[in-house]
Amino acid sequence: MNLQLDNPRELTDAHQRLPAMCAAASNESARSFGDGLVGVITRPHDATSRVGVLLLNAGITRHVGPFRAHVDLARTLAEQGFAVLRFDQSGLGDSALPARAEGNRRQRDIDAAMQLLMQETGVERFVLCGLCSGADDAFHVGARDERVAGAILLDGVAYPTPGFWLRHALPRLLNFGKVLRYLMARRNPGPSLSDFRDWPSRAQARQMLATMVERGTRLLFVFTGGAYHYFNHRAQLVASLGNAAASPRVSLEFWREYDHTFYLRKHRRVLIARIAAWMREEFAGAEPR
């Protein structure tokens, strides 16, 4: 393990963290599974839950996650007794494109990941966690796979509402420069959100969320300032996804000052702490439901 440090204080802090870092690393193992998929299992020393966690790719980012967030999150959750698999989906990172791309790619990949974690650790149900496109995959699979006990959706699905447009437009109407840039952009439109995200229609999304809530699935939505172009207020979740979003089974955080990839270390720490607390509340010691 190489530590690159800039000052003595960092060296002291690193030495204090080293035993915990090594203990976590000693419980990690790389695995090849499915049709050319590669991932890393982080095992708890003392498993306290029959629910495991799958960390999905954020866009084209490898299984370490943006700024190694998946590594830190997996180790933190393992310390709490959860088995975690962070893996690259087909054609991303270390995972190959399948020789024959048959069926639904995300369902096939996630099913293989579930099978691996089940065989290796004995978990029986799963929490899917993803940022951006990873959140989209978690939402789609969670709606139709009863093995999904929970989903953590970071800048996931939501839809602009009248309230969104009112909050979005009013401050800009008072700024002539922004109005001019908007009018110019309308003449030369660039890529839209739909070009990069895989969302169902709003009606379908409402039904999918209602299905998950009715089934007992727990959901944690986290929106950041990186979602400003489609989400800008906590009330928007219910307005866009229906009454199921108001269920006690649905938790919501809106961190306007955070960027989409949690670039700042202090923001990643808050995110990991929130996910860890949510996992403890919902699944610590949990038998499959």
C-alpha atoms as a PDB file:
ATOM      1  CA  MET A   1       0.000   0.000   0.000  1.00  0.00           C
ATOM      2  CA  ASN A   2       1.542   3.298  -1.111  1.00  0.00           C
ATOM      3  CA  LEU A   3       0.674   6.446   0.828  1.00  0.00           C
ATOM      4  CA  GLN A   4       1.400   9.763  -0.856  1.00  0.00           C
ATOM      5  CA  LEU A   5       1.243  12.496   1.753  1.00  0.00           C
ATOM      6  CA  ASP A   6       2.046  16.159   1.718  1.00  0.00           C
ATOM      7  CA  ASN A   7       2.755  16.928   5.363  1.00  0.00           C
ATOM      8  CA  PRO A   8       3.522  15.278   8.733  1.00  0.00           C
ATOM      9  CA  ARG A   9      -0.007  15.699   9.996  1.00  0.00           C
ATOM     10  CA  GLU A  10      -1.309  13.648   7.080  1.00  0.00           C
ATOM     11  CA  LEU A  11       1.339  11.026   7.839  1.00  0.00           C
ATOM     12  CA  THR A  12       0.200  10.799  11.462  1.00  0.00           C
ATOM     13  CA  ASP A  13      -3.433  10.549  10.420  1.00  0.00           C
ATOM     14  CA  ALA A  14      -2.588   7.876   7.856  1.00  0.00           C
ATOM     15  CA  HIS A  15      -0.758   5.784  10.435  1.00  0.00           C
ATOM     16  CA  GLN A  16      -3.777   6.005  12.705  1.00  0.00           C
ATOM     17  CA  ARG A  17      -6.016   4.818   9.868  1.00  0.00           C
ATOM     18  CA  LEU A  18      -3.673   2.110   8.603  1.00  0.00           C
ATOM     19  CA  PRO A  19      -4.859  -0.782  10.821  1.00  0.00           C
ATOM     20  CA  ALA A  20      -8.479  -0.206   9.828  1.00  0.00           C
ATOM     21  CA  MET A  21      -7.507   0.156   6.163  1.00  0.00           C
ATOM     22  CA  CYS A  22      -5.564  -3.101   6.192  1.00  0.00           C
ATOM     23  CA  ALA A  23      -8.305  -4.928   8.060  1.00  0.00           C
ATOM     24  CA  ALA A  24     -10.804  -3.854   5.435  1.00  0.00           C
ATOM     25  CA  ALA A  25      -8.482  -4.707   2.555  1.00  0.00           C
ATOM     26  CA  SER A  26      -7.778  -8.192   3.932  1.00  0.00           C
ATOM     27  CA  ASN A  27     -11.463  -9.015   3.555  1.00  0.00           C
ATOM     28  CA  GLU A  28     -11.688  -8.065  -0.112  1.00  0.00           C
ATOM     29  CA  SER A  29     -11.413 -10.415  -3.061  1.00  0.00           C
ATOM     30  CA  ALA A  30     -11.640  -9.922  -6.810  1.00  0.00           C
ATOM     31  CA  ARG A  31     -13.988 -12.178  -8.742  1.00  0.00           C
ATOM     32  CA  SER A  32     -14.725 -12.951 -12.376  1.00  0.00           C
ATOM     33  CA  PHE A  33     -18.322 -14.033 -12.959  1.00  0.00           C
ATOM     34  CA  GLY A  34     -21.187 -14.074 -15.420  1.00  0.00           C
ATOM     35  CA  ASP A  35     -20.276 -13.382 -19.030  1.00  0.00           C
ATOM     36  CA  GLY A  36     -16.911 -11.645 -18.590  1.00  0.00           C
ATOM     37  CA  LEU A  37     -17.886  -9.508 -15.586  1.00  0.00           C
ATOM     38  CA  VAL A  38     -15.332  -8.469 -12.966  1.00  0.00           C
ATOM     39  CA  GLY A  39     -15.922  -7.157  -9.456  1.00  0.00           C
ATOM     40  CA  VAL A  40     -14.651  -6.990  -5.894  1.00  0.00           C
ATOM     41  CA  ILE A  41     -16.453  -8.494  -2.907  1.00  0.00           C
ATOM     42  CA  THR A  42     -15.973  -6.776   0.443  1.00  0.00           C
ATOM     43  CA  ARG A  43     -16.937  -9.178   3.207  1.00  0.00           C
ATOM     44  CA  PRO A  44     -17.875  -8.258   6.764  1.00  0.00           C
ATOM     45  CA  HIS A  45     -15.866  -9.891   9.538  1.00  0.00           C
ATOM     46  CA  ASP A  46     -19.155 -10.424  11.350  1.00  0.00           C
ATOM     47  CA  ALA A  47     -22.185 -10.559   9.060  1.00  0.00           C
ATOM     48  CA  THR A  48     -25.251  -9.060  10.739  1.00  0.00           C
ATOM     49  CA  SER A  49     -27.693  -8.962   7.825  1.00  0.00           C
ATOM     50  CA  ARG A  50     -28.982 -11.291   5.136  1.00  0.00           C
ATOM     51  CA  VAL A  51     -29.207  -8.299   2.800  1.00  0.00           C
ATOM     52  CA  GLY A  52     -26.235  -7.582   0.518  1.00  0.00           C
ATOM     53  CA  VAL A  53     -25.318  -4.454  -1.437  1.00  0.00           C
ATOM     54  CA  LEU A  54     -24.489  -4.072  -5.134  1.00  0.00           C
ATOM     55  CA  LEU A  55     -22.661  -0.902  -6.208  1.00  0.00           C
ATOM     56  CA  LEU A  56     -23.352  -0.101  -9.864  1.00  0.00           C
ATOM     57  CA  ASN A  57     -21.226   1.864 -12.327  1.00  0.00           C
ATOM     58  CA  ALA A  58     -21.758   5.619 -12.471  1.00  0.00           C
ATOM     59  CA  GLY A  59     -21.660   6.293 -16.198  1.00  0.00           C
ATOM     60  CA  ILE A  60     -18.349   4.945 -17.512  1.00  0.00           C
ATOM     61  CA  THR A  61     -16.600   5.197 -14.126  1.00  0.00           C
ATOM     62  CA  ARG A  62     -14.984   1.931 -13.027  1.00  0.00           C
ATOM     63  CA  HIS A  63     -16.068  -0.084 -10.004  1.00  0.00           C
ATOM     64  CA  VAL A  64     -13.954   2.051  -7.664  1.00  0.00           C
ATOM     65  CA  GLY A  65     -16.574   4.790  -8.123  1.00  0.00           C
ATOM     66  CA  PRO A  66     -16.040   8.535  -8.546  1.00  0.00           C
ATOM     67  CA  PHE A  67     -12.986   9.521  -6.485  1.00  0.00           C
ATOM     68  CA  ARG A  68     -12.918   5.969  -4.995  1.00  0.00           C
ATOM     69  CA  ALA A  69     -16.260   6.542  -3.295  1.00  0.00           C
ATOM     70  CA  HIS A  70     -17.369   2.940  -3.900  1.00  0.00           C
ATOM     71  CA  VAL A  71     -14.242   1.614  -2.216  1.00  0.00           C
ATOM     72  CA  ASP A  72     -14.828   3.715   0.887  1.00  0.00           C
ATOM     73  CA  LEU A  73     -18.546   2.966   0.930  1.00  0.00           C
ATOM     74  CA  ALA A  74     -18.037  -0.793   0.546  1.00  0.00           C
ATOM     75  CA  ARG A  75     -15.568  -0.885   3.434  1.00  0.00           C
ATOM     76  CA  THR A  76     -17.795   1.245   5.643  1.00  0.00           C
ATOM     77  CA  LEU A  77     -20.813  -0.982   5.014  1.00  0.00           C
ATOM     78  CA  ALA A  78     -18.745  -4.120   5.581  1.00  0.00           C
ATOM     79  CA  GLU A  79     -17.739  -2.772   8.983  1.00  0.00           C
ATOM     80  CA  GLN A  80     -21.465  -2.625   9.750  1.00  0.00           C
ATOM     81  CA  GLY A  81     -21.986  -6.255   8.786  1.00  0.00           C
ATOM     82  CA  PHE A  82     -23.083  -5.965   5.146  1.00  0.00           C
ATOM     83  CA  ALA A  83     -21.552  -7.927   2.273  1.00  0.00           C
ATOM     84  CA  VAL A  84     -20.877  -5.659  -0.720  1.00  0.00           C
ATOM     85  CA  LEU A  85     -20.062  -6.295  -4.377  1.00  0.00           C
ATOM     86  CA  ARG A  86     -18.792  -3.410  -6.492  1.00  0.00           C
ATOM     87  CA  PHE A  87     -18.490  -4.488 -10.093  1.00  0.00           C
ATOM     88  CA  ASP A  88     -18.166  -3.293 -13.661  1.00  0.00           C
ATOM     89  CA  GLN A  89     -21.153  -3.886 -15.889  1.00  0.00           C
ATOM     90  CA  SER A  90     -20.739  -5.224 -19.428  1.00  0.00           C
ATOM     91  CA  GLY A  91     -18.270  -3.245 -21.528  1.00  0.00           C
ATOM     92  CA  LEU A  92     -17.196  -0.966 -18.670  1.00  0.00           C
ATOM     93  CA  GLY A  93     -13.940  -0.917 -16.712  1.00  0.00           C
ATOM     94  CA  ASP A  94     -12.525  -4.420 -16.373  1.00  0.00           C
ATOM     95  CA  SER A  95     -15.629  -6.216 -17.665  1.00  0.00           C
ATOM     96  CA  ALA A  96     -15.760  -7.396 -21.261  1.00  0.00           C
ATOM     97  CA  LEU A  97     -18.551  -6.965 -23.731  1.00  0.00           C
ATOM     98  CA  PRO A  98     -20.461 -10.269 -23.939  1.00  0.00           C
ATOM     99  CA  ALA A  99     -19.811 -12.418 -26.978  1.00  0.00           C
ATOM    100  CA  ARG A 100     -23.559 -12.457 -27.648  1.00  0.00           C
ATOM    101  CA  ALA A 101     -25.584  -9.544 -26.281  1.00  0.00           C
ATOM    102  CA  GLU A 102     -28.884 -11.311 -25.619  1.00  0.00           C
ATOM    103  CA  GLY A 103     -31.720 -10.076 -23.433  1.00  0.00           C
ATOM    104  CA  ASN A 104     -31.718  -7.107 -21.110  1.00  0.00           C
ATOM    105  CA  ARG A 105     -28.124  -6.079 -20.406  1.00  0.00           C
ATOM    106  CA  ARG A 106     -28.631  -4.501 -17.012  1.00  0.00           C
ATOM    107  CA  GLN A 107     -30.929  -7.273 -15.737  1.00  0.00           C
ATOM    108  CA  ARG A 108     -28.486  -9.924 -16.956  1.00  0.00           C
ATOM    109  CA  ASP A 109     -25.483  -8.235 -15.340  1.00  0.00           C
ATOM    110  CA  ILE A 110     -27.220  -7.501 -12.044  1.00  0.00           C
ATOM    111  CA  ASP A 111     -28.693 -10.995 -11.888  1.00  0.00           C
ATOM    112  CA  ALA A 112     -25.202 -12.470 -12.283  1.00  0.00           C
ATOM    113  CA  ALA A 113     -23.944 -10.157  -9.523  1.00  0.00           C
ATOM    114  CA  MET A 114     -26.775 -11.241  -7.221  1.00  0.00           C
ATOM    115  CA  GLN A 115     -26.002 -14.885  -7.864  1.00  0.00           C
ATOM    116  CA  LEU A 116     -22.315 -14.369  -7.077  1.00  0.00           C
ATOM    117  CA  LEU A 117     -22.894 -12.481  -3.826  1.00  0.00           C
ATOM    118  CA  MET A 118     -25.518 -15.010  -2.768  1.00  0.00           C
ATOM    119  CA  GLN A 119     -23.201 -17.959  -3.390  1.00  0.00           C
ATOM    120  CA  GLU A 120     -20.186 -16.329  -1.761  1.00  0.00           C
ATOM    121  CA  THR A 121     -21.802 -14.773   1.319  1.00  0.00           C
ATOM    122  CA  GLY A 122     -25.242 -16.323   1.816  1.00  0.00           C
ATOM    123  CA  VAL A 123     -27.242 -13.103   1.399  1.00  0.00           C
ATOM    124  CA  GLU A 124     -30.720 -13.559   0.003  1.00  0.00           C
ATOM    125  CA  ARG A 125     -31.894 -10.049  -0.901  1.00  0.00           C
ATOM    126  CA  PHE A 126     -30.152  -6.961  -2.162  1.00  0.00           C
ATOM    127  CA  VAL A 127     -29.838  -3.193  -2.043  1.00  0.00           C
ATOM    128  CA  LEU A 128     -28.858  -1.604  -5.365  1.00  0.00           C
ATOM    129  CA  CYS A 129     -26.871   1.633  -5.201  1.00  0.00           C
ATOM    130  CA  GLY A 130     -25.984   3.854  -8.134  1.00  0.00           C
ATOM    131  CA  LEU A 131     -25.238   7.397  -9.235  1.00  0.00           C
ATOM    132  CA  CYS A 132     -26.723   8.867 -12.420  1.00  0.00           C
ATOM    133  CA  SER A 133     -27.035   6.015 -14.951  1.00  0.00           C
ATOM    134  CA  GLY A 134     -26.343   3.584 -12.105  1.00  0.00           C
ATOM    135  CA  ALA A 135     -29.390   5.006 -10.323  1.00  0.00           C
ATOM    136  CA  ASP A 136     -31.408   4.514 -13.513  1.00  0.00           C
ATOM    137  CA  ASP A 137     -30.369   0.848 -13.623  1.00  0.00           C
ATOM    138  CA  ALA A 138     -31.219   0.384  -9.946  1.00  0.00           C
ATOM    139  CA  PHE A 139     -34.671   1.905 -10.464  1.00  0.00           C
ATOM    140  CA  HIS A 140     -35.504  -0.268 -13.467  1.00  0.00           C
ATOM    141  CA  VAL A 141     -34.297  -3.529 -11.937  1.00  0.00           C
ATOM    142  CA  GLY A 142     -35.699  -2.741  -8.497  1.00  0.00           C
ATOM    143  CA  ALA A 143     -39.184  -2.304  -9.959  1.00  0.00           C
ATOM    144  CA  ARG A 144     -39.313  -5.777 -11.469  1.00  0.00           C
ATOM    145  CA  ASP A 145     -37.042  -7.963  -9.326  1.00  0.00           C
ATOM    146  CA  GLU A 146     -38.511  -9.030  -5.992  1.00  0.00           C
ATOM    147  CA  ARG A 147     -35.050  -9.843  -4.655  1.00  0.00           C
ATOM    148  CA  VAL A 148     -34.385  -6.098  -4.437  1.00  0.00           C
ATOM    149  CA  ALA A 149     -35.040  -5.046  -0.845  1.00  0.00           C
ATOM    150  CA  GLY A 150     -33.834  -1.466  -1.300  1.00  0.00           C
ATOM    151  CA  ALA A 151     -32.383   1.075  -3.704  1.00  0.00           C
ATOM    152  CA  ILE A 152     -30.087   4.061  -3.183  1.00  0.00           C
ATOM    153  CA  LEU A 153     -30.609   6.500  -6.045  1.00  0.00           C
ATOM    154  CA  LEU A 154     -28.047   9.308  -6.319  1.00  0.00           C
ATOM    155  CA  ASP A 155     -29.286  12.002  -8.727  1.00  0.00           C
ATOM    156  CA  GLY A 156     -31.796   9.466  -9.950  1.00  0.00           C
ATOM    157  CA  VAL A 157     -35.139   9.720 -11.668  1.00  0.00           C
ATOM    158  CA  ALA A 158     -37.401  12.752 -11.196  1.00  0.00           C
ATOM    159  CA  TYR A 159     -39.254  15.023 -13.589  1.00  0.00           C
ATOM    160  CA  PRO A 160     -39.593  18.811 -13.948  1.00  0.00           C
ATOM    161  CA  THR A 161     -42.935  20.046 -12.613  1.00  0.00           C
ATOM    162  CA  PRO A 162     -44.706  23.432 -12.835  1.00  0.00           C
ATOM    163  CA  GLY A 163     -43.150  24.282  -9.484  1.00  0.00           C
ATOM    164  CA  PHE A 164     -39.712  23.381 -10.809  1.00  0.00           C
ATOM    165  CA  TRP A 165     -40.097  25.675 -13.815  1.00  0.00           C
ATOM    166  CA  LEU A 166     -41.371  28.515 -11.653  1.00  0.00           C
ATOM    167  CA  ARG A 167     -38.404  28.250  -9.277  1.00  0.00           C
ATOM    168  CA  HIS A 168     -36.041  27.816 -12.221  1.00  0.00           C
ATOM    169  CA  ALA A 169     -37.302  30.655 -14.381  1.00  0.00           C
ATOM    170  CA  LEU A 170     -38.101  33.511 -12.019  1.00  0.00           C
ATOM    171  CA  PRO A 171     -34.519  34.326 -10.946  1.00  0.00           C
ATOM    172  CA  ARG A 172     -33.356  34.132 -14.560  1.00  0.00           C
ATOM    173  CA  LEU A 173     -36.049  36.458 -15.923  1.00  0.00           C
ATOM    174  CA  LEU A 174     -34.427  39.249 -13.961  1.00  0.00           C
ATOM    175  CA  ASN A 175     -31.062  38.611 -15.602  1.00  0.00           C
ATOM    176  CA  PHE A 176     -30.942  39.864 -19.200  1.00  0.00           C
ATOM    177  CA  GLY A 177     -27.756  37.957 -19.979  1.00  0.00           C
ATOM    178  CA  LYS A 178     -29.296  34.642 -18.969  1.00  0.00           C
ATOM    179  CA  VAL A 179     -32.425  35.361 -20.991  1.00  0.00           C
ATOM    180  CA  LEU A 180     -30.299  36.121 -24.052  1.00  0.00           C
ATOM    181  CA  ARG A 181     -28.240  32.950 -23.645  1.00  0.00           C
ATOM    182  CA  TYR A 182     -31.446  30.932 -23.287  1.00  0.00           C
ATOM    183  CA  LEU A 183     -32.859  32.366 -26.502  1.00  0.00           C
ATOM    184  CA  MET A 184     -29.602  31.637 -28.345  1.00  0.00           C
ATOM    185  CA  ALA A 185     -29.574  28.089 -27.011  1.00  0.00           C
ATOM    186  CA  ARG A 186     -33.123  27.588 -28.297  1.00  0.00           C
ATOM    187  CA  ARG A 187     -31.878  28.411 -31.792  1.00  0.00           C
ATOM    188  CA  ASN A 188     -29.003  25.922 -31.522  1.00  0.00           C
ATOM    189  CA  PRO A 189     -30.172  23.189 -29.143  1.00  0.00           C
ATOM    190  CA  GLY A 190     -27.515  20.874 -27.793  1.00  0.00           C
ATOM    191  CA  PRO A 191     -27.889  17.398 -26.286  1.00  0.00           C
ATOM    192  CA  SER A 192     -30.823  16.994 -23.903  1.00  0.00           C
ATOM    193  CA  LEU A 193     -31.108  15.022 -20.679  1.00  0.00           C
ATOM    194  CA  SER A 194     -32.962  12.249 -22.498  1.00  0.00           C
ATOM    195  CA  ASP A 195     -29.856  11.660 -24.621  1.00  0.00           C
ATOM    196  CA  PHE A 196     -27.885  10.534 -21.557  1.00  0.00           C
ATOM    197  CA  ARG A 197     -30.404   9.056 -19.131  1.00  0.00           C
ATOM    198  CA  ASP A 198     -32.604   5.973 -19.336  1.00  0.00           C
ATOM    199  CA  TRP A 199     -35.836   7.050 -17.714  1.00  0.00           C
ATOM    200  CA  PRO A 200     -39.282   5.563 -18.245  1.00  0.00           C
ATOM    201  CA  SER A 201     -42.200   7.850 -18.968  1.00  0.00           C
ATOM    202  CA  ARG A 202     -43.488   9.756 -15.959  1.00  0.00           C
ATOM    203  CA  ALA A 203     -46.595   7.540 -15.760  1.00  0.00           C
ATOM    204  CA  GLN A 204     -44.437   4.416 -15.899  1.00  0.00           C
ATOM    205  CA  ALA A 205     -42.070   5.777 -13.241  1.00  0.00           C
ATOM    206  CA  ARG A 206     -44.980   6.481 -10.900  1.00  0.00           C
ATOM    207  CA  GLN A 207     -46.247   2.932 -11.327  1.00  0.00           C
ATOM    208  CA  MET A 208     -42.772   1.459 -10.856  1.00  0.00           C
ATOM    209  CA  LEU A 209     -42.239   3.385  -7.626  1.00  0.00           C
ATOM    210  CA  ALA A 210     -45.697   2.443  -6.360  1.00  0.00           C
ATOM    211  CA  THR A 211     -44.946  -1.219  -7.089  1.00  0.00           C
ATOM    212  CA  MET A 212     -41.711  -1.075  -5.103  1.00  0.00           C
ATOM    213  CA  VAL A 213     -43.282   0.712  -2.141  1.00  0.00           C
ATOM    214  CA  GLU A 214     -46.221  -1.693  -2.051  1.00  0.00           C
ATOM    215  CA  ARG A 215     -43.806  -4.617  -2.108  1.00  0.00           C
ATOM    216  CA  GLY A 216     -41.935  -3.194   0.893  1.00  0.00           C
ATOM    217  CA  THR A 217     -38.847  -1.967  -0.940  1.00  0.00           C
ATOM    218  CA  ARG A 218     -36.962   0.803   0.877  1.00  0.00           C
ATOM    219  CA  LEU A 219     -35.626   3.712  -1.199  1.00  0.00           C
ATOM    220  CA  LEU A 220     -33.160   6.489  -0.472  1.00  0.00           C
ATOM    221  CA  PHE A 221     -33.180   9.353  -2.991  1.00  0.00           C
ATOM    222  CA  VAL A 222     -30.271  11.806  -2.851  1.00  0.00           C
ATOM    223  CA  PHE A 223     -30.287  14.823  -5.161  1.00  0.00           C
ATOM    224  CA  THR A 224     -27.409  17.278  -5.514  1.00  0.00           C
ATOM    225  CA  GLY A 225     -26.851  20.608  -7.211  1.00  0.00           C
ATOM    226  CA  GLY A 226     -25.752  18.543 -10.207  1.00  0.00           C
ATOM    227  CA  ALA A 227     -29.422  17.752 -10.822  1.00  0.00           C
ATOM    228  CA  TYR A 228     -30.363  21.441 -10.928  1.00  0.00           C
ATOM    229  CA  HIS A 229     -31.574  21.146 -14.535  1.00  0.00           C
ATOM    230  CA  TYR A 230     -34.429  18.832 -13.479  1.00  0.00           C
ATOM    231  CA  PHE A 231     -34.713  18.887  -9.649  1.00  0.00           C
ATOM    232  CA  ASN A 232     -34.639  21.946  -7.390  1.00  0.00           C
ATOM    233  CA  HIS A 233     -36.912  21.354  -4.371  1.00  0.00           C
ATOM    234  CA  ARG A 234     -37.747  18.527  -1.975  1.00  0.00           C
ATOM    235  CA  ALA A 235     -41.478  18.823  -2.714  1.00  0.00           C
ATOM    236  CA  GLN A 236     -40.759  17.976  -6.334  1.00  0.00           C
ATOM    237  CA  LEU A 237     -40.290  14.254  -5.646  1.00  0.00           C
ATOM    238  CA  VAL A 238     -43.929  13.700  -4.707  1.00  0.00           C
ATOM    239  CA  ALA A 239     -45.115  16.132  -7.384  1.00  0.00           C
ATOM    240  CA  SER A 240     -43.310  14.196 -10.101  1.00  0.00           C
ATOM    241  CA  LEU A 241     -43.438  10.589  -8.857  1.00  0.00           C
ATOM    242  CA  GLY A 242     -46.777  10.518  -7.077  1.00  0.00           C
ATOM    243  CA  ASN A 243     -48.016   9.722  -3.568  1.00  0.00           C
ATOM    244  CA  ALA A 244     -45.798   6.644  -3.249  1.00  0.00           C
ATOM    245  CA  ALA A 245     -42.857   9.041  -2.872  1.00  0.00           C
ATOM    246  CA  ALA A 246     -44.419  10.276   0.391  1.00  0.00           C
ATOM    247  CA  SER A 247     -44.353   6.781   1.900  1.00  0.00           C
ATOM    248  CA  PRO A 248     -42.334   6.202   5.100  1.00  0.00           C
ATOM    249  CA  ARG A 249     -40.429   3.650   3.033  1.00  0.00           C
ATOM    250  CA  VAL A 250     -38.998   6.485   0.909  1.00  0.00           C
ATOM    251  CA  SER A 251     -36.245   8.742   2.282  1.00  0.00           C
ATOM    252  CA  LEU A 252     -35.054  11.912   0.574  1.00  0.00           C
ATOM    253  CA  GLU A 253     -32.017  14.178   0.818  1.00  0.00           C
ATOM    254  CA  PHE A 254     -31.502  17.308  -1.257  1.00  0.00           C
ATOM    255  CA  TRP A 255     -27.986  18.769  -1.028  1.00  0.00           C
ATOM    256  CA  ARG A 256     -28.030  21.757  -3.353  1.00  0.00           C
ATOM    257  CA  GLU A 257     -24.420  22.739  -2.590  1.00  0.00           C
ATOM    258  CA  TYR A 258     -22.966  19.324  -3.523  1.00  0.00           C
ATOM    259  CA  ASP A 259     -21.789  18.545  -7.046  1.00  0.00           C
ATOM    260  CA  HIS A 260     -22.916  15.532  -9.051  1.00  0.00           C
ATOM    261  CA  THR A 261     -19.812  13.379  -8.420  1.00  0.00           C
ATOM    262  CA  PHE A 262     -19.220  14.429  -4.788  1.00  0.00           C
ATOM    263  CA  TYR A 263     -15.881  15.918  -5.738  1.00  0.00           C
ATOM    264  CA  LEU A 264     -15.094  17.302  -2.278  1.00  0.00           C
ATOM    265  CA  ARG A 265     -13.904  14.774   0.274  1.00  0.00           C
ATOM    266  CA  LYS A 266     -16.086  16.296   3.002  1.00  0.00           C
ATOM    267  CA  HIS A 267     -19.139  15.806   0.802  1.00  0.00           C
ATOM    268  CA  ARG A 268     -18.248  12.174   0.135  1.00  0.00           C
ATOM    269  CA  ARG A 269     -17.915  11.633   3.879  1.00  0.00           C
ATOM    270  CA  VAL A 270     -21.398  13.041   4.466  1.00  0.00           C
ATOM    271  CA  LEU A 271     -22.814  10.865   1.688  1.00  0.00           C
ATOM    272  CA  ILE A 272     -21.204   7.693   3.010  1.00  0.00           C
ATOM    273  CA  ALA A 273     -22.310   8.479   6.567  1.00  0.00           C
ATOM    274  CA  ARG A 274     -25.900   9.034   5.392  1.00  0.00           C
ATOM    275  CA  ILE A 275     -25.984   5.800   3.406  1.00  0.00           C
ATOM    276  CA  ALA A 276     -24.453   3.892   6.327  1.00  0.00           C
ATOM    277  CA  ALA A 277     -27.046   5.297   8.755  1.00  0.00           C
ATOM    278  CA  TRP A 278     -29.894   4.466   6.352  1.00  0.00           C
ATOM    279  CA  MET A 279     -28.624   0.923   5.900  1.00  0.00           C
ATOM    280  CA  ARG A 280     -28.428   0.450   9.678  1.00  0.00           C
ATOM    281  CA  GLU A 281     -31.950   1.766  10.179  1.00  0.00           C
ATOM    282  CA  GLU A 282     -33.497  -0.316   7.423  1.00  0.00           C
ATOM    283  CA  PHE A 283     -31.469  -3.514   7.177  1.00  0.00           C
ATOM    284  CA  ALA A 284     -29.094  -4.138  10.100  1.00  0.00           C
ATOM    285  CA  GLY A 285     -29.849  -7.643  11.332  1.00  0.00           C
ATOM    286  CA  ALA A 286     -32.618  -7.921   8.777  1.00  0.00           C
ATOM    287  CA  GLU A 287     -33.949 -11.202   7.489  1.00  0.00           C
ATOM    288  CA  PRO A 288     -35.245 -11.113   3.930  1.00  0.00           C
ATOM    289  CA  ARG A 289     -38.762  -9.699   3.737  1.00  0.00           C
END
